[in-house]
Each structure stands twice: as C-alpha cells, then as structure tokens.
Amino acid sequence: MEVKGRQLRDKFIRYKDGVKVYHMGLSTFQRIAKEAKACYKVGQMVLVNTEILDEYLEQFRIMDDEFYK
C-alpha cells in the first residue's frame, strides 16, 4: 500500500512476503520470526507481526563506532 509517496507496511505478513520486505532468505526469516515470537497461526497459515519483529531486530543494531570506519 502506498500513501502520499511512501510505503506503508502491513502489520501482519506471510513468510513469503517477509522474505521480500526484509531482504533475507526464507529459512532466515522464519528463524528470526520464531525467535522474536512474532508468529500467529491461523488455520494452516502463519502470519508474522512486523511490529514485534522490528522491535526484536533493533536488539542487533551495531553501536560500535569502529564498525563504521
């Protein structure tokens, strides 16, 4: 969905869409979503809460200035 020139992400996405949004492989996305406890099972479908996943990913931010030199 696009609003006023910017992309808005859905709150819940399927694994295959998460691979595209987060630019990572399927098994990596599934593992991270499970580690974040961001998965919801609806029948046979699994949805990932992007808000929970984003919050989880923030833990991995590199704060060391040496990394950026």
PDB file of N, CA and C in Angstrom:
ATOM      1  N   MET A   1       0.846  -1.174   0.000  1.00  0.00           N
ATOM      2  CA  MET A   1       0.000   0.000   0.000  1.00  0.00           C
ATOM      3  C   MET A   1       0.891   1.237   0.000  1.00  0.00           C
ATOM      4  N   GLU A   2       0.491   2.244  -0.768  1.00  0.00           N
ATOM      5  CA  GLU A   2       1.272   3.469  -0.821  1.00  0.00           C
ATOM      6  C   GLU A   2       0.378   4.645  -0.461  1.00  0.00           C
ATOM      7  N   VAL A   3       0.860   5.515   0.416  1.00  0.00           N
ATOM      8  CA  VAL A   3       0.113   6.689   0.835  1.00  0.00           C
ATOM      9  C   VAL A   3       1.029   7.902   0.731  1.00  0.00           C
ATOM     10  N   LYS A   4       0.615   8.900  -0.033  1.00  0.00           N
ATOM     11  CA  LYS A   4       1.370  10.144  -0.199  1.00  0.00           C
ATOM     12  C   LYS A   4       2.855   9.898  -0.465  1.00  0.00           C
ATOM     13  N   GLY A   5       3.143   9.005  -1.424  1.00  0.00           N
ATOM     14  CA  GLY A   5       4.507   8.785  -1.850  1.00  0.00           C
ATOM     15  C   GLY A   5       5.369   7.916  -0.939  1.00  0.00           C
ATOM     16  N   ARG A   6       4.803   7.335   0.097  1.00  0.00           N
ATOM     17  CA  ARG A   6       5.626   6.463   0.949  1.00  0.00           C
ATOM     18  C   ARG A   6       4.937   5.126   1.129  1.00  0.00           C
ATOM     19  N   GLN A   7       5.738   4.117   1.312  1.00  0.00           N
ATOM     20  CA  GLN A   7       5.224   2.772   1.501  1.00  0.00           C
ATOM     21  C   GLN A   7       4.745   2.585   2.934  1.00  0.00           C
ATOM     22  N   LEU A   8       3.594   1.998   3.088  1.00  0.00           N
ATOM     23  CA  LEU A   8       3.110   1.568   4.399  1.00  0.00           C
ATOM     24  C   LEU A   8       3.140   0.055   4.403  1.00  0.00           C
ATOM     25  N   ARG A   9       3.687  -0.513   5.450  1.00  0.00           N
ATOM     26  CA  ARG A   9       3.769  -1.959   5.554  1.00  0.00           C
ATOM     27  C   ARG A   9       2.582  -2.494   6.310  1.00  0.00           C
ATOM     28  N   ASP A  10       2.144  -3.658   5.899  1.00  0.00           N
ATOM     29  CA  ASP A  10       1.086  -4.327   6.637  1.00  0.00           C
ATOM     30  C   ASP A  10       1.622  -4.771   7.993  1.00  0.00           C
ATOM     31  N   LYS A  11       0.758  -4.814   8.985  1.00  0.00           N
ATOM     32  CA  LYS A  11       1.158  -5.253  10.317  1.00  0.00           C
ATOM     33  C   LYS A  11       1.453  -6.745  10.317  1.00  0.00           C
ATOM     34  N   PHE A  12       0.668  -7.511   9.587  1.00  0.00           N
ATOM     35  CA  PHE A  12       0.849  -8.952   9.508  1.00  0.00           C
ATOM     36  C   PHE A  12       1.194  -9.345   8.081  1.00  0.00           C
ATOM     37  N   ILE A  13       2.250 -10.144   7.933  1.00  0.00           N
ATOM     38  CA  ILE A  13       2.643 -10.600   6.609  1.00  0.00           C
ATOM     39  C   ILE A  13       2.933 -12.101   6.651  1.00  0.00           C
ATOM     40  N   ARG A  14       2.838 -12.746   5.509  1.00  0.00           N
ATOM     41  CA  ARG A  14       3.181 -14.168   5.385  1.00  0.00           C
ATOM     42  C   ARG A  14       4.687 -14.295   5.215  1.00  0.00           C
ATOM     43  N   TYR A  15       5.181 -15.504   5.428  1.00  0.00           N
ATOM     44  CA  TYR A  15       6.612 -15.748   5.291  1.00  0.00           C
ATOM     45  C   TYR A  15       7.134 -15.301   3.930  1.00  0.00           C
ATOM     46  N   LYS A  16       6.436 -15.679   2.850  1.00  0.00           N
ATOM     47  CA  LYS A  16       6.942 -15.374   1.504  1.00  0.00           C
ATOM     48  C   LYS A  16       7.025 -13.864   1.272  1.00  0.00           C
ATOM     49  N   ASP A  17       6.120 -13.103   1.874  1.00  0.00           N
ATOM     50  CA  ASP A  17       6.173 -11.648   1.735  1.00  0.00           C
ATOM     51  C   ASP A  17       7.273 -11.061   2.618  1.00  0.00           C
ATOM     52  N   GLY A  18       7.491 -11.663   3.779  1.00  0.00           N
ATOM     53  CA  GLY A  18       8.543 -11.205   4.680  1.00  0.00           C
ATOM     54  C   GLY A  18       9.919 -11.324   4.063  1.00  0.00           C
ATOM     55  N   VAL A  19      10.111 -12.362   3.257  1.00  0.00           N
ATOM     56  CA  VAL A  19      11.382 -12.559   2.554  1.00  0.00           C
ATOM     57  C   VAL A  19      11.677 -11.344   1.664  1.00  0.00           C
ATOM     58  N   LYS A  20      10.664 -10.849   0.993  1.00  0.00           N
ATOM     59  CA  LYS A  20      10.831  -9.691   0.102  1.00  0.00           C
ATOM     60  C   LYS A  20      11.000  -8.395   0.896  1.00  0.00           C
ATOM     61  N   VAL A  21      10.186  -8.211   1.916  1.00  0.00           N
ATOM     62  CA  VAL A  21      10.213  -6.974   2.700  1.00  0.00           C
ATOM     63  C   VAL A  21      11.525  -6.818   3.457  1.00  0.00           C
ATOM     64  N   TYR A  22      12.004  -7.913   4.049  1.00  0.00           N
ATOM     65  CA  TYR A  22      13.197  -7.847   4.894  1.00  0.00           C
ATOM     66  C   TYR A  22      14.478  -8.244   4.157  1.00  0.00           C
ATOM     67  N   HIS A  23      14.370  -8.575   2.889  1.00  0.00           N
ATOM     68  CA  HIS A  23      15.527  -8.883   2.037  1.00  0.00           C
ATOM     69  C   HIS A  23      16.420  -9.951   2.651  1.00  0.00           C
ATOM     70  N   MET A  24      15.822 -11.089   2.987  1.00  0.00           N
ATOM     71  CA  MET A  24      16.586 -12.219   3.519  1.00  0.00           C
ATOM     72  C   MET A  24      15.963 -13.510   3.021  1.00  0.00           C
ATOM     73  N   GLY A  25      16.680 -14.599   3.174  1.00  0.00           N
ATOM     74  CA  GLY A  25      16.184 -15.889   2.743  1.00  0.00           C
ATOM     75  C   GLY A  25      15.033 -16.384   3.597  1.00  0.00           C
ATOM     76  N   LEU A  26      14.297 -17.352   3.069  1.00  0.00           N
ATOM     77  CA  LEU A  26      13.118 -17.869   3.749  1.00  0.00           C
ATOM     78  C   LEU A  26      13.462 -18.500   5.093  1.00  0.00           C
ATOM     79  N   SER A  27      14.473 -19.349   5.137  1.00  0.00           N
ATOM     80  CA  SER A  27      14.785 -20.023   6.400  1.00  0.00           C
ATOM     81  C   SER A  27      15.279 -19.027   7.449  1.00  0.00           C
ATOM     82  N   THR A  28      16.033 -18.025   7.038  1.00  0.00           N
ATOM     83  CA  THR A  28      16.499 -16.993   7.974  1.00  0.00           C
ATOM     84  C   THR A  28      15.323 -16.185   8.499  1.00  0.00           C
ATOM     85  N   PHE A  29      14.402 -15.808   7.603  1.00  0.00           N
ATOM     86  CA  PHE A  29      13.234 -15.038   8.032  1.00  0.00           C
ATOM     87  C   PHE A  29      12.376 -15.845   9.000  1.00  0.00           C
ATOM     88  N   GLN A  30      12.147 -17.106   8.696  1.00  0.00           N
ATOM     89  CA  GLN A  30      11.343 -17.957   9.567  1.00  0.00           C
ATOM     90  C   GLN A  30      12.002 -18.087  10.946  1.00  0.00           C
ATOM     91  N   ARG A  31      13.309 -18.305  10.957  1.00  0.00           N
ATOM     92  CA  ARG A  31      14.026 -18.465  12.233  1.00  0.00           C
ATOM     93  C   ARG A  31      13.929 -17.194  13.076  1.00  0.00           C
ATOM     94  N   ILE A  32      14.164 -16.046  12.459  1.00  0.00           N
ATOM     95  CA  ILE A  32      14.127 -14.779  13.199  1.00  0.00           C
ATOM     96  C   ILE A  32      12.715 -14.486  13.695  1.00  0.00           C
ATOM     97  N   ALA A  33      11.707 -14.740  12.860  1.00  0.00           N
ATOM     98  CA  ALA A  33      10.314 -14.512  13.269  1.00  0.00           C
ATOM     99  C   ALA A  33       9.950 -15.381  14.466  1.00  0.00           C
ATOM    100  N   LYS A  34      10.438 -16.624  14.467  1.00  0.00           N
ATOM    101  CA  LYS A  34      10.168 -17.530  15.588  1.00  0.00           C
ATOM    102  C   LYS A  34      10.924 -17.090  16.840  1.00  0.00           C
ATOM    103  N   GLU A  35      12.187 -16.691  16.672  1.00  0.00           N
ATOM    104  CA  GLU A  35      12.969 -16.204  17.814  1.00  0.00           C
ATOM    105  C   GLU A  35      12.309 -14.983  18.448  1.00  0.00           C
ATOM    106  N   ALA A  36      11.726 -14.134  17.603  1.00  0.00           N
ATOM    107  CA  ALA A  36      11.071 -12.911  18.080  1.00  0.00           C
ATOM    108  C   ALA A  36       9.707 -13.205  18.693  1.00  0.00           C
ATOM    109  N   LYS A  37       9.226 -14.439  18.514  1.00  0.00           N
ATOM    110  CA  LYS A  37       7.880 -14.820  18.952  1.00  0.00           C
ATOM    111  C   LYS A  37       6.829 -13.902  18.315  1.00  0.00           C
ATOM    112  N   ALA A  38       7.014 -13.683  17.010  1.00  0.00           N
ATOM    113  CA  ALA A  38       6.151 -12.778  16.258  1.00  0.00           C
ATOM    114  C   ALA A  38       5.183 -13.527  15.342  1.00  0.00           C
ATOM    115  N   CYS A  39       5.057 -14.847  15.512  1.00  0.00           N
ATOM    116  CA  CYS A  39       4.236 -15.665  14.616  1.00  0.00           C
ATOM    117  C   CYS A  39       2.835 -15.897  15.180  1.00  0.00           C
ATOM    118  N   TYR A  40       1.870 -15.900  14.269  1.00  0.00           N
ATOM    119  CA  TYR A  40       0.473 -16.183  14.594  1.00  0.00           C
ATOM    120  C   TYR A  40       0.005 -17.265  13.632  1.00  0.00           C
ATOM    121  N   LYS A  41      -0.611 -18.319  14.149  1.00  0.00           N
ATOM    122  CA  LYS A  41      -1.112 -19.396  13.300  1.00  0.00           C
ATOM    123  C   LYS A  41      -2.616 -19.246  13.150  1.00  0.00           C
ATOM    124  N   VAL A  42      -3.058 -19.134  11.906  1.00  0.00           N
ATOM    125  CA  VAL A  42      -4.477 -19.011  11.580  1.00  0.00           C
ATOM    126  C   VAL A  42      -4.794 -20.149  10.621  1.00  0.00           C
ATOM    127  N   GLY A  43      -5.380 -21.221  11.137  1.00  0.00           N
ATOM    128  CA  GLY A  43      -5.592 -22.407  10.317  1.00  0.00           C
ATOM    129  C   GLY A  43      -4.240 -22.972   9.916  1.00  0.00           C
ATOM    130  N   GLN A  44      -4.009 -23.112   8.617  1.00  0.00           N
ATOM    131  CA  GLN A  44      -2.729 -23.589   8.098  1.00  0.00           C
ATOM    132  C   GLN A  44      -1.760 -22.451   7.793  1.00  0.00           C
ATOM    133  N   MET A  45      -2.225 -21.227   7.911  1.00  0.00           N
ATOM    134  CA  MET A  45      -1.435 -20.064   7.539  1.00  0.00           C
ATOM    135  C   MET A  45      -0.683 -19.503   8.750  1.00  0.00           C
ATOM    136  N   VAL A  46       0.553 -19.084   8.521  1.00  0.00           N
ATOM    137  CA  VAL A  46       1.331 -18.415   9.565  1.00  0.00           C
ATOM    138  C   VAL A  46       1.514 -16.965   9.147  1.00  0.00           C
ATOM    139  N   LEU A  47       1.178 -16.060  10.059  1.00  0.00           N
ATOM    140  CA  LEU A  47       1.378 -14.630   9.840  1.00  0.00           C
ATOM    141  C   LEU A  47       2.429 -14.136  10.807  1.00  0.00           C
ATOM    142  N   VAL A  48       3.216 -13.157  10.384  1.00  0.00           N
ATOM    143  CA  VAL A  48       4.265 -12.583  11.215  1.00  0.00           C
ATOM    144  C   VAL A  48       3.906 -11.137  11.502  1.00  0.00           C
ATOM    145  N   ASN A  49       3.938 -10.778  12.776  1.00  0.00           N
ATOM    146  CA  ASN A  49       3.659  -9.411  13.205  1.00  0.00           C
ATOM    147  C   ASN A  49       4.936  -8.586  12.993  1.00  0.00           C
ATOM    148  N   THR A  50       4.900  -7.662  12.036  1.00  0.00           N
ATOM    149  CA  THR A  50       6.096  -6.892  11.683  1.00  0.00           C
ATOM    150  C   THR A  50       6.511  -5.927  12.790  1.00  0.00           C
ATOM    151  N   GLU A  51       5.568  -5.487  13.596  1.00  0.00           N
ATOM    152  CA  GLU A  51       5.919  -4.569  14.693  1.00  0.00           C
ATOM    153  C   GLU A  51       6.773  -5.288  15.736  1.00  0.00           C
ATOM    154  N   ILE A  52       6.379  -6.512  16.086  1.00  0.00           N
ATOM    155  CA  ILE A  52       7.155  -7.306  17.038  1.00  0.00           C
ATOM    156  C   ILE A  52       8.514  -7.653  16.443  1.00  0.00           C
ATOM    157  N   LEU A  53       8.519  -8.033  15.175  1.00  0.00           N
ATOM    158  CA  LEU A  53       9.767  -8.406  14.515  1.00  0.00           C
ATOM    159  C   LEU A  53      10.732  -7.225  14.445  1.00  0.00           C
ATOM    160  N   ASP A  54      10.235  -6.047  14.101  1.00  0.00           N
ATOM    161  CA  ASP A  54      11.087  -4.857  14.032  1.00  0.00           C
ATOM    162  C   ASP A  54      11.698  -4.531  15.387  1.00  0.00           C
ATOM    163  N   GLU A  55      10.894  -4.642  16.420  1.00  0.00           N
ATOM    164  CA  GLU A  55      11.386  -4.378  17.779  1.00  0.00           C
ATOM    165  C   GLU A  55      12.490  -5.379  18.143  1.00  0.00           C
ATOM    166  N   TYR A  56      12.302  -6.632  17.785  1.00  0.00           N
ATOM    167  CA  TYR A  56      13.301  -7.667  18.048  1.00  0.00           C
ATOM    168  C   TYR A  56      14.600  -7.365  17.291  1.00  0.00           C
ATOM    169  N   LEU A  57      14.478  -6.977  16.033  1.00  0.00           N
ATOM    170  CA  LEU A  57      15.665  -6.719  15.217  1.00  0.00           C
ATOM    171  C   LEU A  57      16.490  -5.542  15.736  1.00  0.00           C
ATOM    172  N   GLU A  58      15.850  -4.593  16.400  1.00  0.00           N
ATOM    173  CA  GLU A  58      16.578  -3.447  16.951  1.00  0.00           C
ATOM    174  C   GLU A  58      17.641  -3.871  17.965  1.00  0.00           C
ATOM    175  N   GLN A  59      17.485  -5.048  18.568  1.00  0.00           N
ATOM    176  CA  GLN A  59      18.479  -5.541  19.521  1.00  0.00           C
ATOM    177  C   GLN A  59      19.830  -5.790  18.861  1.00  0.00           C
ATOM    178  N   PHE A  60      19.837  -5.959  17.553  1.00  0.00           N
ATOM    179  CA  PHE A  60      21.052  -6.318  16.831  1.00  0.00           C
ATOM    180  C   PHE A  60      21.750  -5.111  16.205  1.00  0.00           C
ATOM    181  N   ARG A  61      21.281  -3.930  16.495  1.00  0.00           N
ATOM    182  CA  ARG A  61      21.898  -2.726  15.955  1.00  0.00           C
ATOM    183  C   ARG A  61      23.340  -2.627  16.439  1.00  0.00           C
ATOM    184  N   ILE A  62      24.243  -2.337  15.533  1.00  0.00           N
ATOM    185  CA  ILE A  62      25.661  -2.230  15.869  1.00  0.00           C
ATOM    186  C   ILE A  62      25.937  -0.794  16.304  1.00  0.00           C
ATOM    187  N   MET A  63      26.362  -0.651  17.535  1.00  0.00           N
ATOM    188  CA  MET A  63      26.604   0.676  18.107  1.00  0.00           C
ATOM    189  C   MET A  63      28.093   1.025  18.158  1.00  0.00           C
ATOM    190  N   ASP A  64      28.965   0.071  17.869  1.00  0.00           N
ATOM    191  CA  ASP A  64      30.398   0.272  17.937  1.00  0.00           C
ATOM    192  C   ASP A  64      30.883   1.148  16.796  1.00  0.00           C
ATOM    193  N   ASP A  65      31.465   2.304  17.135  1.00  0.00           N
ATOM    194  CA  ASP A  65      31.966   3.233  16.105  1.00  0.00           C
ATOM    195  C   ASP A  65      33.031   2.602  15.229  1.00  0.00           C
ATOM    196  N   GLU A  66      33.780   1.665  15.761  1.00  0.00           N
ATOM    197  CA  GLU A  66      34.832   1.006  14.997  1.00  0.00           C
ATOM    198  C   GLU A  66      34.273   0.265  13.790  1.00  0.00           C
ATOM    199  N   PHE A  67      33.072  -0.243  13.924  1.00  0.00           N
ATOM    200  CA  PHE A  67      32.449  -0.967  12.817  1.00  0.00           C
ATOM    201  C   PHE A  67      32.230  -0.064  11.623  1.00  0.00           C
ATOM    202  N   TYR A  68      31.941   1.192  11.849  1.00  0.00           N
ATOM    203  CA  TYR A  68      31.574   2.126  10.790  1.00  0.00           C
ATOM    204  C   TYR A  68      32.755   2.864  10.175  1.00  0.00           C
ATOM    205  N   LYS A  69      33.964   2.521  10.574  1.00  0.00           N
ATOM    206  CA  LYS A  69      35.158   3.174   9.997  1.00  0.00           C
ATOM    207  C   LYS A  69      35.641   2.469   8.768  1.00  0.00           C
TER     208      LYS A  69
END
